[in-house]
Amino acid sequence: MTAKKLPVDPRDAFAPTQYYSIASVCDVLQVSRGLINEALIHGDLKAIKAGTRIRIRGKELNAWLTPYR
């Protein structure tokens, strides 16, 4: 997703099969890195480690955004 704006339905913000970095998630959602890190620490968001990088699947991000509609 290249646009910085969320779509009308936030569940469409991220492609379910793609993986996103924390920085790109912060850019799209316009939130702080601390918010995403806190969600990862508390288990609200699930992520995978790819080498030294953390990647979050779009499906997980969309599910995390759904309660905030």
PDB file of N, CA and C in Angstrom:
ATOM      1  N   MET A   1       0.847  -1.163   0.000  1.00  0.00           N
ATOM      2  CA  MET A   1       0.000   0.000   0.000  1.00  0.00           C
ATOM      3  C   MET A   1       0.897   1.232   0.000  1.00  0.00           C
ATOM      4  N   THR A   2       0.721   2.081  -0.953  1.00  0.00           N
ATOM      5  CA  THR A   2       1.571   3.256  -1.056  1.00  0.00           C
ATOM      6  C   THR A   2       0.933   4.490  -0.447  1.00  0.00           C
ATOM      7  N   ALA A   3      -0.375   4.535  -0.377  1.00  0.00           N
ATOM      8  CA  ALA A   3      -1.051   5.696   0.196  1.00  0.00           C
ATOM      9  C   ALA A   3      -0.876   5.696   1.710  1.00  0.00           C
ATOM     10  N   LYS A   4      -0.830   6.871   2.290  1.00  0.00           N
ATOM     11  CA  LYS A   4      -0.669   6.994   3.736  1.00  0.00           C
ATOM     12  C   LYS A   4      -2.012   7.046   4.455  1.00  0.00           C
ATOM     13  N   LYS A   5      -3.107   7.068   3.703  1.00  0.00           N
ATOM     14  CA  LYS A   5      -4.431   7.156   4.308  1.00  0.00           C
ATOM     15  C   LYS A   5      -5.038   5.765   4.452  1.00  0.00           C
ATOM     16  N   LEU A   6      -5.814   5.597   5.513  1.00  0.00           N
ATOM     17  CA  LEU A   6      -6.549   4.350   5.689  1.00  0.00           C
ATOM     18  C   LEU A   6      -7.777   4.362   4.796  1.00  0.00           C
ATOM     19  N   PRO A   7      -8.165   3.205   4.265  1.00  0.00           N
ATOM     20  CA  PRO A   7      -9.412   3.139   3.513  1.00  0.00           C
ATOM     21  C   PRO A   7     -10.603   3.303   4.457  1.00  0.00           C
ATOM     22  N   VAL A   8     -11.783   3.447   3.892  1.00  0.00           N
ATOM     23  CA  VAL A   8     -12.991   3.614   4.705  1.00  0.00           C
ATOM     24  C   VAL A   8     -13.146   2.438   5.662  1.00  0.00           C
ATOM     25  N   ASP A   9     -12.971   1.239   5.166  1.00  0.00           N
ATOM     26  CA  ASP A   9     -13.009   0.047   6.008  1.00  0.00           C
ATOM     27  C   ASP A   9     -11.571  -0.302   6.379  1.00  0.00           C
ATOM     28  N   PRO A  10     -11.171  -0.117   7.643  1.00  0.00           N
ATOM     29  CA  PRO A  10      -9.778  -0.351   8.014  1.00  0.00           C
ATOM     30  C   PRO A  10      -9.311  -1.788   7.816  1.00  0.00           C
ATOM     31  N   ARG A  11     -10.249  -2.719   7.683  1.00  0.00           N
ATOM     32  CA  ARG A  11      -9.838  -4.107   7.444  1.00  0.00           C
ATOM     33  C   ARG A  11      -9.204  -4.267   6.076  1.00  0.00           C
ATOM     34  N   ASP A  12      -9.379  -3.282   5.202  1.00  0.00           N
ATOM     35  CA  ASP A  12      -8.775  -3.321   3.876  1.00  0.00           C
ATOM     36  C   ASP A  12      -7.430  -2.598   3.833  1.00  0.00           C
ATOM     37  N   ALA A  13      -6.921  -2.192   4.969  1.00  0.00           N
ATOM     38  CA  ALA A  13      -5.690  -1.396   5.010  1.00  0.00           C
ATOM     39  C   ALA A  13      -4.465  -2.190   4.582  1.00  0.00           C
ATOM     40  N   PHE A  14      -4.443  -3.479   4.875  1.00  0.00           N
ATOM     41  CA  PHE A  14      -3.271  -4.297   4.601  1.00  0.00           C
ATOM     42  C   PHE A  14      -3.672  -5.558   3.847  1.00  0.00           C
ATOM     43  N   ALA A  15      -2.867  -5.942   2.866  1.00  0.00           N
ATOM     44  CA  ALA A  15      -3.127  -7.177   2.116  1.00  0.00           C
ATOM     45  C   ALA A  15      -2.898  -8.364   3.053  1.00  0.00           C
ATOM     46  N   PRO A  16      -3.873  -9.256   3.192  1.00  0.00           N
ATOM     47  CA  PRO A  16      -3.779 -10.353   4.161  1.00  0.00           C
ATOM     48  C   PRO A  16      -2.579 -11.276   3.972  1.00  0.00           C
ATOM     49  N   THR A  17      -2.099 -11.422   2.755  1.00  0.00           N
ATOM     50  CA  THR A  17      -1.005 -12.370   2.519  1.00  0.00           C
ATOM     51  C   THR A  17       0.374 -11.723   2.560  1.00  0.00           C
ATOM     52  N   GLN A  18       0.431 -10.407   2.706  1.00  0.00           N
ATOM     53  CA  GLN A  18       1.715  -9.699   2.729  1.00  0.00           C
ATOM     54  C   GLN A  18       2.221  -9.546   4.158  1.00  0.00           C
ATOM     55  N   TYR A  19       3.530  -9.346   4.281  1.00  0.00           N
ATOM     56  CA  TYR A  19       4.155  -9.096   5.575  1.00  0.00           C
ATOM     57  C   TYR A  19       4.680  -7.670   5.595  1.00  0.00           C
ATOM     58  N   TYR A  20       4.537  -6.989   6.732  1.00  0.00           N
ATOM     59  CA  TYR A  20       4.886  -5.582   6.847  1.00  0.00           C
ATOM     60  C   TYR A  20       5.860  -5.360   7.995  1.00  0.00           C
ATOM     61  N   SER A  21       6.749  -4.400   7.814  1.00  0.00           N
ATOM     62  CA  SER A  21       7.673  -4.024   8.885  1.00  0.00           C
ATOM     63  C   SER A  21       6.938  -3.113   9.869  1.00  0.00           C
ATOM     64  N   ILE A  22       7.491  -2.998  11.054  1.00  0.00           N
ATOM     65  CA  ILE A  22       6.891  -2.121  12.060  1.00  0.00           C
ATOM     66  C   ILE A  22       6.876  -0.681  11.554  1.00  0.00           C
ATOM     67  N   ALA A  23       7.951  -0.260  10.902  1.00  0.00           N
ATOM     68  CA  ALA A  23       8.036   1.118  10.394  1.00  0.00           C
ATOM     69  C   ALA A  23       6.948   1.402   9.360  1.00  0.00           C
ATOM     70  N   SER A  24       6.703   0.460   8.455  1.00  0.00           N
ATOM     71  CA  SER A  24       5.675   0.697   7.437  1.00  0.00           C
ATOM     72  C   SER A  24       4.281   0.707   8.053  1.00  0.00           C
ATOM     73  N   VAL A  25       4.052  -0.124   9.057  1.00  0.00           N
ATOM     74  CA  VAL A  25       2.760  -0.128   9.754  1.00  0.00           C
ATOM     75  C   VAL A  25       2.545   1.221  10.441  1.00  0.00           C
ATOM     76  N   CYS A  26       3.585   1.725  11.089  1.00  0.00           N
ATOM     77  CA  CYS A  26       3.494   3.025  11.762  1.00  0.00           C
ATOM     78  C   CYS A  26       3.198   4.137  10.764  1.00  0.00           C
ATOM     79  N   ASP A  27       3.825   4.087   9.595  1.00  0.00           N
ATOM     80  CA  ASP A  27       3.591   5.102   8.565  1.00  0.00           C
ATOM     81  C   ASP A  27       2.151   5.072   8.068  1.00  0.00           C
ATOM     82  N   VAL A  28       1.648   3.891   7.780  1.00  0.00           N
ATOM     83  CA  VAL A  28       0.288   3.770   7.237  1.00  0.00           C
ATOM     84  C   VAL A  28      -0.756   4.174   8.274  1.00  0.00           C
ATOM     85  N   LEU A  29      -0.592   3.703   9.503  1.00  0.00           N
ATOM     86  CA  LEU A  29      -1.580   3.983  10.546  1.00  0.00           C
ATOM     87  C   LEU A  29      -1.355   5.324  11.234  1.00  0.00           C
ATOM     88  N   GLN A  30      -0.197   5.923  11.000  1.00  0.00           N
ATOM     89  CA  GLN A  30       0.195   7.178  11.635  1.00  0.00           C
ATOM     90  C   GLN A  30       0.121   7.072  13.154  1.00  0.00           C
ATOM     91  N   VAL A  31       0.772   6.033  13.666  1.00  0.00           N
ATOM     92  CA  VAL A  31       0.874   5.812  15.104  1.00  0.00           C
ATOM     93  C   VAL A  31       2.347   5.691  15.468  1.00  0.00           C
ATOM     94  N   SER A  32       2.621   5.712  16.761  1.00  0.00           N
ATOM     95  CA  SER A  32       4.006   5.608  17.211  1.00  0.00           C
ATOM     96  C   SER A  32       4.477   4.156  17.174  1.00  0.00           C
ATOM     97  N   ARG A  33       5.774   4.000  17.083  1.00  0.00           N
ATOM     98  CA  ARG A  33       6.383   2.673  17.105  1.00  0.00           C
ATOM     99  C   ARG A  33       6.101   1.983  18.445  1.00  0.00           C
ATOM    100  N   GLY A  34       6.028   2.777  19.515  1.00  0.00           N
ATOM    101  CA  GLY A  34       5.754   2.235  20.844  1.00  0.00           C
ATOM    102  C   GLY A  34       4.401   1.543  20.924  1.00  0.00           C
ATOM    103  N   LEU A  35       3.401   2.078  20.239  1.00  0.00           N
ATOM    104  CA  LEU A  35       2.069   1.464  20.238  1.00  0.00           C
ATOM    105  C   LEU A  35       2.114   0.076  19.607  1.00  0.00           C
ATOM    106  N   ILE A  36       2.811  -0.038  18.491  1.00  0.00           N
ATOM    107  CA  ILE A  36       2.924  -1.336  17.813  1.00  0.00           C
ATOM    108  C   ILE A  36       3.741  -2.298  18.664  1.00  0.00           C
ATOM    109  N   ASN A  37       4.851  -1.823  19.228  1.00  0.00           N
ATOM    110  CA  ASN A  37       5.682  -2.676  20.079  1.00  0.00           C
ATOM    111  C   ASN A  37       4.905  -3.171  21.292  1.00  0.00           C
ATOM    112  N   GLU A  38       4.125  -2.290  21.892  1.00  0.00           N
ATOM    113  CA  GLU A  38       3.319  -2.677  23.051  1.00  0.00           C
ATOM    114  C   GLU A  38       2.294  -3.748  22.680  1.00  0.00           C
ATOM    115  N   ALA A  39       1.656  -3.606  21.527  1.00  0.00           N
ATOM    116  CA  ALA A  39       0.695  -4.609  21.065  1.00  0.00           C
ATOM    117  C   ALA A  39       1.385  -5.952  20.827  1.00  0.00           C
ATOM    118  N   LEU A  40       2.609  -5.916  20.324  1.00  0.00           N
ATOM    119  CA  LEU A  40       3.367  -7.155  20.120  1.00  0.00           C
ATOM    120  C   LEU A  40       3.737  -7.793  21.455  1.00  0.00           C
ATOM    121  N   ILE A  41       4.179  -6.980  22.404  1.00  0.00           N
ATOM    122  CA  ILE A  41       4.586  -7.491  23.718  1.00  0.00           C
ATOM    123  C   ILE A  41       3.407  -8.120  24.448  1.00  0.00           C
ATOM    124  N   HIS A  42       2.238  -7.477  24.382  1.00  0.00           N
ATOM    125  CA  HIS A  42       1.055  -7.982  25.088  1.00  0.00           C
ATOM    126  C   HIS A  42       0.347  -9.105  24.344  1.00  0.00           C
ATOM    127  N   GLY A  43       0.801  -9.421  23.147  1.00  0.00           N
ATOM    128  CA  GLY A  43       0.203 -10.510  22.390  1.00  0.00           C
ATOM    129  C   GLY A  43      -1.027 -10.118  21.595  1.00  0.00           C
ATOM    130  N   ASP A  44      -1.333  -8.829  21.538  1.00  0.00           N
ATOM    131  CA  ASP A  44      -2.475  -8.379  20.740  1.00  0.00           C
ATOM    132  C   ASP A  44      -2.198  -8.530  19.251  1.00  0.00           C
ATOM    133  N   LEU A  45      -0.939  -8.409  18.871  1.00  0.00           N
ATOM    134  CA  LEU A  45      -0.491  -8.601  17.490  1.00  0.00           C
ATOM    135  C   LEU A  45       0.518  -9.734  17.478  1.00  0.00           C
ATOM    136  N   LYS A  46       0.450 -10.552  16.451  1.00  0.00           N
ATOM    137  CA  LYS A  46       1.423 -11.629  16.297  1.00  0.00           C
ATOM    138  C   LYS A  46       2.369 -11.259  15.173  1.00  0.00           C
ATOM    139  N   ALA A  47       3.634 -11.599  15.346  1.00  0.00           N
ATOM    140  CA  ALA A  47       4.637 -11.277  14.328  1.00  0.00           C
ATOM    141  C   ALA A  47       5.597 -12.444  14.184  1.00  0.00           C
ATOM    142  N   ILE A  48       6.363 -12.413  13.105  1.00  0.00           N
ATOM    143  CA  ILE A  48       7.405 -13.413  12.902  1.00  0.00           C
ATOM    144  C   ILE A  48       8.741 -12.694  12.816  1.00  0.00           C
ATOM    145  N   LYS A  49       9.787 -13.421  13.103  1.00  0.00           N
ATOM    146  CA  LYS A  49      11.123 -12.861  12.986  1.00  0.00           C
ATOM    147  C   LYS A  49      11.745 -13.412  11.716  1.00  0.00           C
ATOM    148  N   ALA A  50      12.144 -12.523  10.821  1.00  0.00           N
ATOM    149  CA  ALA A  50      12.789 -12.898   9.560  1.00  0.00           C
ATOM    150  C   ALA A  50      14.220 -12.380   9.624  1.00  0.00           C
ATOM    151  N   GLY A  51      15.126 -13.240  10.032  1.00  0.00           N
ATOM    152  CA  GLY A  51      16.503 -12.791  10.252  1.00  0.00           C
ATOM    153  C   GLY A  51      16.524 -11.902  11.476  1.00  0.00           C
ATOM    154  N   THR A  52      16.936 -10.665  11.301  1.00  0.00           N
ATOM    155  CA  THR A  52      16.947  -9.724  12.425  1.00  0.00           C
ATOM    156  C   THR A  52      15.741  -8.795  12.394  1.00  0.00           C
ATOM    157  N   ARG A  53      14.858  -8.989  11.437  1.00  0.00           N
ATOM    158  CA  ARG A  53      13.706  -8.099  11.265  1.00  0.00           C
ATOM    159  C   ARG A  53      12.423  -8.733  11.774  1.00  0.00           C
ATOM    160  N   ILE A  54      11.540  -7.884  12.249  1.00  0.00           N
ATOM    161  CA  ILE A  54      10.217  -8.316  12.696  1.00  0.00           C
ATOM    162  C   ILE A  54       9.233  -8.009  11.572  1.00  0.00           C
ATOM    163  N   ARG A  55       8.424  -8.991  11.211  1.00  0.00           N
ATOM    164  CA  ARG A  55       7.412  -8.815  10.165  1.00  0.00           C
ATOM    165  C   ARG A  55       6.048  -9.185  10.730  1.00  0.00           C
ATOM    166  N   ILE A  56       5.063  -8.365  10.391  1.00  0.00           N
ATOM    167  CA  ILE A  56       3.692  -8.586  10.849  1.00  0.00           C
ATOM    168  C   ILE A  56       2.838  -8.876   9.626  1.00  0.00           C
ATOM    169  N   ARG A  57       2.086  -9.961   9.676  1.00  0.00           N
ATOM    170  CA  ARG A  57       1.248 -10.349   8.542  1.00  0.00           C
ATOM    171  C   ARG A  57       0.029  -9.439   8.445  1.00  0.00           C
ATOM    172  N   GLY A  58      -0.344  -9.106   7.232  1.00  0.00           N
ATOM    173  CA  GLY A  58      -1.491  -8.232   6.994  1.00  0.00           C
ATOM    174  C   GLY A  58      -2.768  -8.748   7.621  1.00  0.00           C
ATOM    175  N   LYS A  59      -2.951 -10.060   7.604  1.00  0.00           N
ATOM    176  CA  LYS A  59      -4.148 -10.668   8.193  1.00  0.00           C
ATOM    177  C   LYS A  59      -4.229 -10.345   9.689  1.00  0.00           C
ATOM    178  N   GLU A  60      -3.098 -10.402  10.380  1.00  0.00           N
ATOM    179  CA  GLU A  60      -3.057 -10.086  11.811  1.00  0.00           C
ATOM    180  C   GLU A  60      -3.352  -8.604  12.049  1.00  0.00           C
ATOM    181  N   LEU A  61      -2.790  -7.750  11.203  1.00  0.00           N
ATOM    182  CA  LEU A  61      -3.029  -6.309  11.337  1.00  0.00           C
ATOM    183  C   LEU A  61      -4.496  -5.974  11.118  1.00  0.00           C
ATOM    184  N   ASN A  62      -5.099  -6.569  10.109  1.00  0.00           N
ATOM    185  CA  ASN A  62      -6.515  -6.310   9.827  1.00  0.00           C
ATOM    186  C   ASN A  62      -7.397  -6.772  10.979  1.00  0.00           C
ATOM    187  N   ALA A  63      -7.079  -7.921  11.567  1.00  0.00           N
ATOM    188  CA  ALA A  63      -7.847  -8.423  12.709  1.00  0.00           C
ATOM    189  C   ALA A  63      -7.671  -7.506  13.923  1.00  0.00           C
ATOM    190  N   TRP A  64      -6.474  -6.979  14.098  1.00  0.00           N
ATOM    191  CA  TRP A  64      -6.186  -6.080  15.214  1.00  0.00           C
ATOM    192  C   TRP A  64      -6.940  -4.759  15.055  1.00  0.00           C
ATOM    193  N   LEU A  65      -7.095  -4.285  13.827  1.00  0.00           N
ATOM    194  CA  LEU A  65      -7.784  -3.020  13.563  1.00  0.00           C
ATOM    195  C   LEU A  65      -9.300  -3.127  13.664  1.00  0.00           C
ATOM    196  N   THR A  66      -9.864  -4.296  13.447  1.00  0.00           N
ATOM    197  CA  THR A  66     -11.312  -4.479  13.372  1.00  0.00           C
ATOM    198  C   THR A  66     -12.064  -3.931  14.588  1.00  0.00           C
ATOM    199  N   PRO A  67     -11.625  -4.162  15.838  1.00  0.00           N
ATOM    200  CA  PRO A  67     -12.389  -3.633  16.978  1.00  0.00           C
ATOM    201  C   PRO A  67     -12.445  -2.109  17.035  1.00  0.00           C
ATOM    202  N   TYR A  68     -11.562  -1.424  16.323  1.00  0.00           N
ATOM    203  CA  TYR A  68     -11.489   0.036  16.391  1.00  0.00           C
ATOM    204  C   TYR A  68     -12.309   0.721  15.311  1.00  0.00           C
ATOM    205  N   ARG A  69     -13.082  -0.027  14.547  1.00  0.00           N
ATOM    206  CA  ARG A  69     -13.914   0.552  13.480  1.00  0.00           C
ATOM    207  C   ARG A  69     -14.944   1.483  14.027  1.00  0.00           C
TER     208      ARG A  69
END
